[in-house]
PDB file of N, CA and C in Angstrom:
ATOM      1  N   UNK A   1      18.957 -98.844 -30.871  1.00  0.00           N
ATOM      2  CA  UNK A   1      17.759 -99.504 -31.447  1.00  0.00           C
ATOM      3  C   UNK A   1      17.156 -98.478 -31.904  1.00  0.00           C
ATOM      4  N   UNK A   2      16.591 -98.772 -33.181  1.00  0.00           N
ATOM      5  CA  UNK A   2      16.163 -97.686 -34.121  1.00  0.00           C
ATOM      6  C   UNK A   2      14.330 -97.526 -33.759  1.00  0.00           C
ATOM      7  N   UNK A   3      13.630 -96.623 -33.866  1.00  0.00           N
ATOM      8  CA  UNK A   3      12.312 -96.662 -33.813  1.00  0.00           C
ATOM      9  C   UNK A   3      11.635 -97.295 -34.693  1.00  0.00           C
ATOM     10  N   UNK A   4      12.203 -97.405 -36.059  1.00  0.00           N
ATOM     11  CA  UNK A   4      11.914 -98.041 -36.901  1.00  0.00           C
ATOM     12  C   UNK A   4      11.862 -99.807 -36.873  1.00  0.00           C
ATOM     13  N   UNK A   5      13.084-100.286 -36.065  1.00  0.00           N
ATOM     14  CA  UNK A   5      12.882-101.855 -35.829  1.00  0.00           C
ATOM     15  C   UNK A   5      11.715-102.037 -34.548  1.00  0.00           C
ATOM     16  N   UNK A   6      11.897-101.237 -33.664  1.00  0.00           N
ATOM     17  CA  UNK A   6      10.938-101.616 -32.618  1.00  0.00           C
ATOM     18  C   UNK A   6       9.695-101.432 -33.179  1.00  0.00           C
ATOM     19  N   UNK A   7       9.129-100.670 -34.045  1.00  0.00           N
ATOM     20  CA  UNK A   7       7.822-100.653 -34.647  1.00  0.00           C
ATOM     21  C   UNK A   7       7.682-101.864 -35.134  1.00  0.00           C
ATOM     22  N   UNK A   8       8.576-102.491 -36.006  1.00  0.00           N
ATOM     23  CA  UNK A   8       8.493-103.615 -36.877  1.00  0.00           C
ATOM     24  C   UNK A   8       8.086-104.890 -35.891  1.00  0.00           C
ATOM     25  N   UNK A   9       9.047-105.009 -34.559  1.00  0.00           N
ATOM     26  CA  UNK A   9       8.589-106.059 -33.993  1.00  0.00           C
ATOM     27  C   UNK A   9       7.410-105.905 -33.230  1.00  0.00           C
ATOM     28  N   UNK A  10       7.059-104.528 -32.726  1.00  0.00           N
ATOM     29  CA  UNK A  10       5.656-105.066 -32.115  1.00  0.00           C
ATOM     30  C   UNK A  10       4.599-105.368 -33.352  1.00  0.00           C
ATOM     31  N   UNK A  11       4.874-104.747 -34.611  1.00  0.00           N
ATOM     32  CA  UNK A  11       3.874-105.088 -35.587  1.00  0.00           C
ATOM     33  C   UNK A  11       3.992-106.646 -36.009  1.00  0.00           C
ATOM     34  N   UNK A  12       5.298-106.965 -35.808  1.00  0.00           N
ATOM     35  CA  UNK A  12       5.124-108.760 -36.482  1.00  0.00           C
ATOM     36  C   UNK A  12       4.487-109.241 -35.000  1.00  0.00           C
ATOM     37  N   UNK A  13       4.740-108.682 -33.882  1.00  0.00           N
ATOM     38  CA  UNK A  13       4.122-109.654 -32.578  1.00  0.00           C
ATOM     39  C   UNK A  13       2.626-109.569 -32.730  1.00  0.00           C
ATOM     40  N   UNK A  14       2.208-108.095 -33.040  1.00  0.00           N
ATOM     41  CA  UNK A  14       0.557-108.245 -33.221  1.00  0.00           C
ATOM     42  C   UNK A  14      -0.096-109.021 -34.374  1.00  0.00           C
ATOM     43  N   UNK A  15       0.413-109.220 -35.518  1.00  0.00           N
ATOM     44  CA  UNK A  15       0.296-110.002 -36.695  1.00  0.00           C
ATOM     45  C   UNK A  15       0.086-111.441 -36.084  1.00  0.00           C
ATOM     46  N   UNK A  16       1.166-111.894 -35.402  1.00  0.00           N
ATOM     47  CA  UNK A  16       1.048-113.062 -34.682  1.00  0.00           C
ATOM     48  C   UNK A  16       0.291-113.457 -33.976  1.00  0.00           C
ATOM     49  N   UNK A  17      -0.424-112.298 -33.017  1.00  0.00           N
ATOM     50  CA  UNK A  17      -1.497-112.696 -32.279  1.00  0.00           C
ATOM     51  C   UNK A  17      -2.655-112.959 -33.161  1.00  0.00           C
ATOM     52  N   UNK A  18      -2.924-111.688 -34.137  1.00  0.00           N
ATOM     53  CA  UNK A  18      -3.875-111.917 -34.813  1.00  0.00           C
ATOM     54  C   UNK A  18      -4.153-113.437 -35.639  1.00  0.00           C
ATOM     55  N   UNK A  19      -3.183-113.700 -36.292  1.00  0.00           N
ATOM     56  CA  UNK A  19      -3.244-114.999 -36.587  1.00  0.00           C
ATOM     57  C   UNK A  19      -3.556-116.213 -35.571  1.00  0.00           C
ATOM     58  N   UNK A  20      -3.402-116.180 -34.189  1.00  0.00           N
ATOM     59  CA  UNK A  20      -3.450-117.029 -33.352  1.00  0.00           C
ATOM     60  C   UNK A  20      -5.151-116.857 -32.775  1.00  0.00           C
ATOM     61  N   UNK A  21      -5.634-116.165 -33.546  1.00  0.00           N
ATOM     62  CA  UNK A  21      -7.462-115.619 -33.507  1.00  0.00           C
ATOM     63  C   UNK A  21      -7.547-114.515 -32.401  1.00  0.00           C
ATOM     64  N   UNK A  22      -6.506-113.824 -31.943  1.00  0.00           N
ATOM     65  CA  UNK A  22      -6.675-112.970 -30.890  1.00  0.00           C
ATOM     66  C   UNK A  22      -7.193-111.557 -31.605  1.00  0.00           C
ATOM     67  N   UNK A  23      -7.451-110.585 -30.856  1.00  0.00           N
ATOM     68  CA  UNK A  23      -7.750-109.478 -31.453  1.00  0.00           C
ATOM     69  C   UNK A  23      -7.527-108.303 -30.168  1.00  0.00           C
ATOM     70  N   UNK A  24      -6.942-107.188 -30.507  1.00  0.00           N
ATOM     71  CA  UNK A  24      -6.580-106.039 -29.562  1.00  0.00           C
ATOM     72  C   UNK A  24      -8.132-105.315 -29.295  1.00  0.00           C
ATOM     73  N   UNK A  25      -7.994-105.073 -27.846  1.00  0.00           N
ATOM     74  CA  UNK A  25      -9.371-104.418 -27.463  1.00  0.00           C
ATOM     75  C   UNK A  25      -8.725-103.473 -26.430  1.00  0.00           C
ATOM     76  N   UNK A  26      -9.089-102.176 -26.259  1.00  0.00           N
ATOM     77  CA  UNK A  26      -8.962-101.143 -25.582  1.00  0.00           C
ATOM     78  C   UNK A  26      -9.930-100.791 -24.578  1.00  0.00           C
ATOM     79  N   UNK A  27      -9.647-100.647 -23.328  1.00  0.00           N
ATOM     80  CA  UNK A  27     -10.443-100.365 -22.133  1.00  0.00           C
ATOM     81  C   UNK A  27      -9.886 -99.304 -21.371  1.00  0.00           C
ATOM     82  N   UNK A  28     -10.714 -98.349 -20.814  1.00  0.00           N
ATOM     83  CA  UNK A  28     -10.597 -97.305 -20.025  1.00  0.00           C
ATOM     84  C   UNK A  28     -10.930 -97.819 -18.600  1.00  0.00           C
ATOM     85  N   UNK A  29      -9.804 -97.431 -17.638  1.00  0.00           N
ATOM     86  CA  UNK A  29      -9.815 -97.624 -16.308  1.00  0.00           C
ATOM     87  C   UNK A  29      -9.837 -96.320 -15.598  1.00  0.00           C
ATOM     88  N   UNK A  30     -10.421 -96.519 -14.387  1.00  0.00           N
ATOM     89  CA  UNK A  30      -9.959 -95.310 -13.478  1.00  0.00           C
ATOM     90  C   UNK A  30      -8.842 -95.003 -13.284  1.00  0.00           C
ATOM     91  N   UNK A  31      -8.113 -93.514 -13.157  1.00  0.00           N
ATOM     92  CA  UNK A  31      -6.828 -92.963 -13.035  1.00  0.00           C
ATOM     93  C   UNK A  31      -6.556 -93.138 -11.283  1.00  0.00           C
ATOM     94  N   UNK A  32      -5.647 -94.043 -11.160  1.00  0.00           N
ATOM     95  CA  UNK A  32      -5.334 -94.145  -9.816  1.00  0.00           C
ATOM     96  C   UNK A  32      -4.730 -93.368  -9.074  1.00  0.00           C
ATOM     97  N   UNK A  33      -3.931 -92.278  -9.890  1.00  0.00           N
ATOM     98  CA  UNK A  33      -3.560 -90.873  -9.439  1.00  0.00           C
ATOM     99  C   UNK A  33      -4.405 -89.786  -9.139  1.00  0.00           C
ATOM    100  N   UNK A  34      -5.549 -89.947  -9.349  1.00  0.00           N
ATOM    101  CA  UNK A  34      -6.495 -88.816  -9.118  1.00  0.00           C
ATOM    102  C   UNK A  34      -6.564 -88.575  -7.392  1.00  0.00           C
ATOM    103  N   UNK A  35      -6.570 -87.423  -7.181  1.00  0.00           N
ATOM    104  CA  UNK A  35      -6.926 -87.099  -5.784  1.00  0.00           C
ATOM    105  C   UNK A  35      -8.022 -87.799  -5.319  1.00  0.00           C
ATOM    106  N   UNK A  36      -9.160 -88.014  -5.832  1.00  0.00           N
ATOM    107  CA  UNK A  36     -10.286 -88.542  -5.177  1.00  0.00           C
ATOM    108  C   UNK A  36     -10.766 -89.893  -5.378  1.00  0.00           C
ATOM    109  N   UNK A  37      -9.342 -90.658  -5.882  1.00  0.00           N
ATOM    110  CA  UNK A  37      -9.606 -91.780  -6.373  1.00  0.00           C
ATOM    111  C   UNK A  37     -10.107 -93.048  -4.987  1.00  0.00           C
ATOM    112  N   UNK A  38      -9.277 -92.920  -4.321  1.00  0.00           N
ATOM    113  CA  UNK A  38      -9.683 -93.591  -2.925  1.00  0.00           C
ATOM    114  C   UNK A  38     -11.189 -92.993  -2.318  1.00  0.00           C
ATOM    115  N   UNK A  39     -11.178 -91.726  -2.447  1.00  0.00           N
ATOM    116  CA  UNK A  39     -12.781 -91.493  -1.699  1.00  0.00           C
ATOM    117  C   UNK A  39     -13.741 -92.222  -2.521  1.00  0.00           C
ATOM    118  N   UNK A  40     -13.680 -92.318  -3.857  1.00  0.00           N
ATOM    119  CA  UNK A  40     -14.771 -92.786  -4.789  1.00  0.00           C
ATOM    120  C   UNK A  40     -14.588 -94.492  -4.790  1.00  0.00           C
ATOM    121  N   UNK A  41     -13.664 -95.087  -4.185  1.00  0.00           N
ATOM    122  CA  UNK A  41     -13.440 -96.382  -4.269  1.00  0.00           C
ATOM    123  C   UNK A  41     -14.300 -96.668  -3.102  1.00  0.00           C
ATOM    124  N   UNK A  42     -13.991 -96.189  -1.935  1.00  0.00           N
ATOM    125  CA  UNK A  42     -14.633 -96.194  -0.562  1.00  0.00           C
ATOM    126  C   UNK A  42     -16.415 -96.071  -0.730  1.00  0.00           C
ATOM    127  N   UNK A  43     -16.971 -94.960  -1.270  1.00  0.00           N
ATOM    128  CA  UNK A  43     -18.074 -94.450  -1.597  1.00  0.00           C
ATOM    129  C   UNK A  43     -18.694 -95.686  -2.761  1.00  0.00           C
ATOM    130  N   UNK A  44     -18.139 -95.916  -3.433  1.00  0.00           N
ATOM    131  CA  UNK A  44     -18.753 -96.783  -4.249  1.00  0.00           C
ATOM    132  C   UNK A  44     -18.805 -98.650  -3.454  1.00  0.00           C
ATOM    133  N   UNK A  45     -17.723 -98.837  -2.891  1.00  0.00           N
ATOM    134  CA  UNK A  45     -17.804-100.242  -1.929  1.00  0.00           C
ATOM    135  C   UNK A  45     -19.040-100.116  -0.851  1.00  0.00           C
ATOM    136  N   UNK A  46     -19.097 -99.122  -0.207  1.00  0.00           N
ATOM    137  CA  UNK A  46     -20.270 -98.740   0.367  1.00  0.00           C
ATOM    138  C   UNK A  46     -21.416 -98.871  -0.125  1.00  0.00           C
ATOM    139  N   UNK A  47     -21.848 -98.237  -1.085  1.00  0.00           N
ATOM    140  CA  UNK A  47     -23.149 -98.603  -1.698  1.00  0.00           C
ATOM    141  C   UNK A  47     -22.985-100.027  -2.279  1.00  0.00           C
ATOM    142  N   UNK A  48     -22.558-100.700  -2.802  1.00  0.00           N
ATOM    143  CA  UNK A  48     -22.267-102.138  -2.951  1.00  0.00           C
ATOM    144  C   UNK A  48     -22.683-103.096  -1.929  1.00  0.00           C
ATOM    145  N   UNK A  49     -21.845-102.714  -0.653  1.00  0.00           N
ATOM    146  CA  UNK A  49     -22.064-103.767   0.256  1.00  0.00           C
ATOM    147  C   UNK A  49     -23.712-103.427   1.163  1.00  0.00           C
ATOM    148  N   UNK A  50     -24.034-102.222   0.784  1.00  0.00           N
ATOM    149  CA  UNK A  50     -25.586-101.922   1.338  1.00  0.00           C
ATOM    150  C   UNK A  50     -26.308-102.551   0.477  1.00  0.00           C
ATOM    151  N   UNK A  51     -26.189-102.540  -0.836  1.00  0.00           N
ATOM    152  CA  UNK A  51     -27.133-103.368  -1.640  1.00  0.00           C
ATOM    153  C   UNK A  51     -26.842-104.909  -1.625  1.00  0.00           C
ATOM    154  N   UNK A  52     -25.692-104.966  -1.137  1.00  0.00           N
ATOM    155  CA  UNK A  52     -25.770-106.467  -1.026  1.00  0.00           C
ATOM    156  C   UNK A  52     -26.435-107.063   0.278  1.00  0.00           C
ATOM    157  N   UNK A  53     -26.426-106.462   1.230  1.00  0.00           N
ATOM    158  CA  UNK A  53     -26.847-106.526   2.811  1.00  0.00           C
ATOM    159  C   UNK A  53     -28.639-106.762   1.996  1.00  0.00           C
ATOM    160  N   UNK A  54     -29.133-105.847   1.619  1.00  0.00           N
ATOM    161  CA  UNK A  54     -30.555-105.775   1.294  1.00  0.00           C
ATOM    162  C   UNK A  54     -31.057-106.711   0.335  1.00  0.00           C
ATOM    163  N   UNK A  55     -30.174-107.477  -0.545  1.00  0.00           N
ATOM    164  CA  UNK A  55     -30.576-108.335  -1.255  1.00  0.00           C
ATOM    165  C   UNK A  55     -30.507-109.521  -1.120  1.00  0.00           C
ATOM    166  N   UNK A  56     -31.431-110.153  -0.025  1.00  0.00           N
ATOM    167  CA  UNK A  56     -31.230-111.831   0.626  1.00  0.00           C
ATOM    168  C   UNK A  56     -31.202-112.490  -0.630  1.00  0.00           C
ATOM    169  N   UNK A  57     -32.120-112.413  -1.689  1.00  0.00           N
ATOM    170  CA  UNK A  57     -32.058-113.129  -2.843  1.00  0.00           C
ATOM    171  C   UNK A  57     -31.153-113.563  -3.614  1.00  0.00           C
ATOM    172  N   UNK A  58     -30.067-112.400  -3.740  1.00  0.00           N
ATOM    173  CA  UNK A  58     -29.080-112.281  -4.109  1.00  0.00           C
ATOM    174  C   UNK A  58     -27.955-113.183  -3.494  1.00  0.00           C
ATOM    175  N   UNK A  59     -27.785-112.570  -2.062  1.00  0.00           N
ATOM    176  CA  UNK A  59     -27.201-113.901  -1.268  1.00  0.00           C
ATOM    177  C   UNK A  59     -27.278-115.262  -1.429  1.00  0.00           C
ATOM    178  N   UNK A  60     -28.731-115.470  -1.558  1.00  0.00           N
ATOM    179  CA  UNK A  60     -28.933-117.223  -1.374  1.00  0.00           C
ATOM    180  C   UNK A  60     -28.345-117.524  -2.886  1.00  0.00           C
ATOM    181  N   UNK A  61     -28.531-116.881  -3.984  1.00  0.00           N
ATOM    182  CA  UNK A  61     -28.046-117.492  -5.248  1.00  0.00           C
ATOM    183  C   UNK A  61     -26.800-117.501  -5.190  1.00  0.00           C
ATOM    184  N   UNK A  62     -26.002-116.376  -4.462  1.00  0.00           N
ATOM    185  CA  UNK A  62     -24.461-116.659  -4.597  1.00  0.00           C
ATOM    186  C   UNK A  62     -24.085-117.855  -3.945  1.00  0.00           C
ATOM    187  N   UNK A  63     -24.487-117.950  -2.570  1.00  0.00           N
ATOM    188  CA  UNK A  63     -24.530-119.294  -1.746  1.00  0.00           C
ATOM    189  C   UNK A  63     -24.697-120.493  -2.707  1.00  0.00           C
ATOM    190  N   UNK A  64     -25.434-120.584  -3.451  1.00  0.00           N
ATOM    191  CA  UNK A  64     -25.922-121.854  -4.089  1.00  0.00           C
ATOM    192  C   UNK A  64     -24.888-122.002  -5.300  1.00  0.00           C
ATOM    193  N   UNK A  65     -24.444-120.920  -5.631  1.00  0.00           N
ATOM    194  CA  UNK A  65     -23.542-120.949  -6.862  1.00  0.00           C
ATOM    195  C   UNK A  65     -22.117-121.124  -6.541  1.00  0.00           C
ATOM    196  N   UNK A  66     -22.109-120.796  -5.179  1.00  0.00           N
ATOM    197  CA  UNK A  66     -20.622-121.256  -4.501  1.00  0.00           C
ATOM    198  C   UNK A  66     -20.680-123.063  -4.272  1.00  0.00           C
ATOM    199  N   UNK A  67     -21.479-123.119  -3.876  1.00  0.00           N
ATOM    200  CA  UNK A  67     -21.550-124.823  -3.711  1.00  0.00           C
ATOM    201  C   UNK A  67     -21.880-125.573  -4.670  1.00  0.00           C
ATOM    202  N   UNK A  68     -22.089-124.907  -5.555  1.00  0.00           N
ATOM    203  CA  UNK A  68     -22.116-125.885  -7.042  1.00  0.00           C
ATOM    204  C   UNK A  68     -20.690-126.202  -7.461  1.00  0.00           C
ATOM    205  N   UNK A  69     -19.740-125.270  -6.925  1.00  0.00           N
ATOM    206  CA  UNK A  69     -18.501-125.324  -7.583  1.00  0.00           C
ATOM    207  C   UNK A  69     -17.333-126.377  -6.776  1.00  0.00           C
ATOM    208  N   UNK A  70     -17.847-126.906  -5.860  1.00  0.00           N
ATOM    209  CA  UNK A  70     -17.145-127.783  -5.189  1.00  0.00           C
ATOM    210  C   UNK A  70     -16.611-128.760  -5.938  1.00  0.00           C
ATOM    211  N   UNK A  71     -15.167-129.379  -5.786  1.00  0.00           N
ATOM    212  CA  UNK A  71     -14.471-130.197  -6.642  1.00  0.00           C
ATOM    213  C   UNK A  71     -14.284-129.700  -7.818  1.00  0.00           C
ATOM    214  N   UNK A  72     -14.431-128.805  -8.312  1.00  0.00           N
ATOM    215  CA  UNK A  72     -14.093-127.800  -9.919  1.00  0.00           C
ATOM    216  C   UNK A  72     -12.508-128.010  -9.887  1.00  0.00           C
ATOM    217  N   UNK A  73     -12.050-128.313 -11.016  1.00  0.00           N
ATOM    218  CA  UNK A  73     -10.521-127.940 -10.824  1.00  0.00           C
ATOM    219  C   UNK A  73      -9.845-127.347 -12.465  1.00  0.00           C
ATOM    220  N   UNK A  74      -8.874-126.461 -11.924  1.00  0.00           N
ATOM    221  CA  UNK A  74      -8.745-125.590 -13.394  1.00  0.00           C
ATOM    222  C   UNK A  74      -7.954-126.381 -14.526  1.00  0.00           C
TER     223      UNK A  74
END
């Protein structure tokens, strides 16, 4: 298989997606291979948990929102 045919197939696929009303979006995510990745995850998780425990208004809002979705289906 040549590179040209591979590129052509990719281009054809992208054009079909665009015709379907979609567009490409690039996102950047943390590199899970970094040595400090797990440490950063733990640190951020602890901060979020601490903030959540301190914010009773948010907890109340979340409980109400969860109760509001009973009976929903996909």
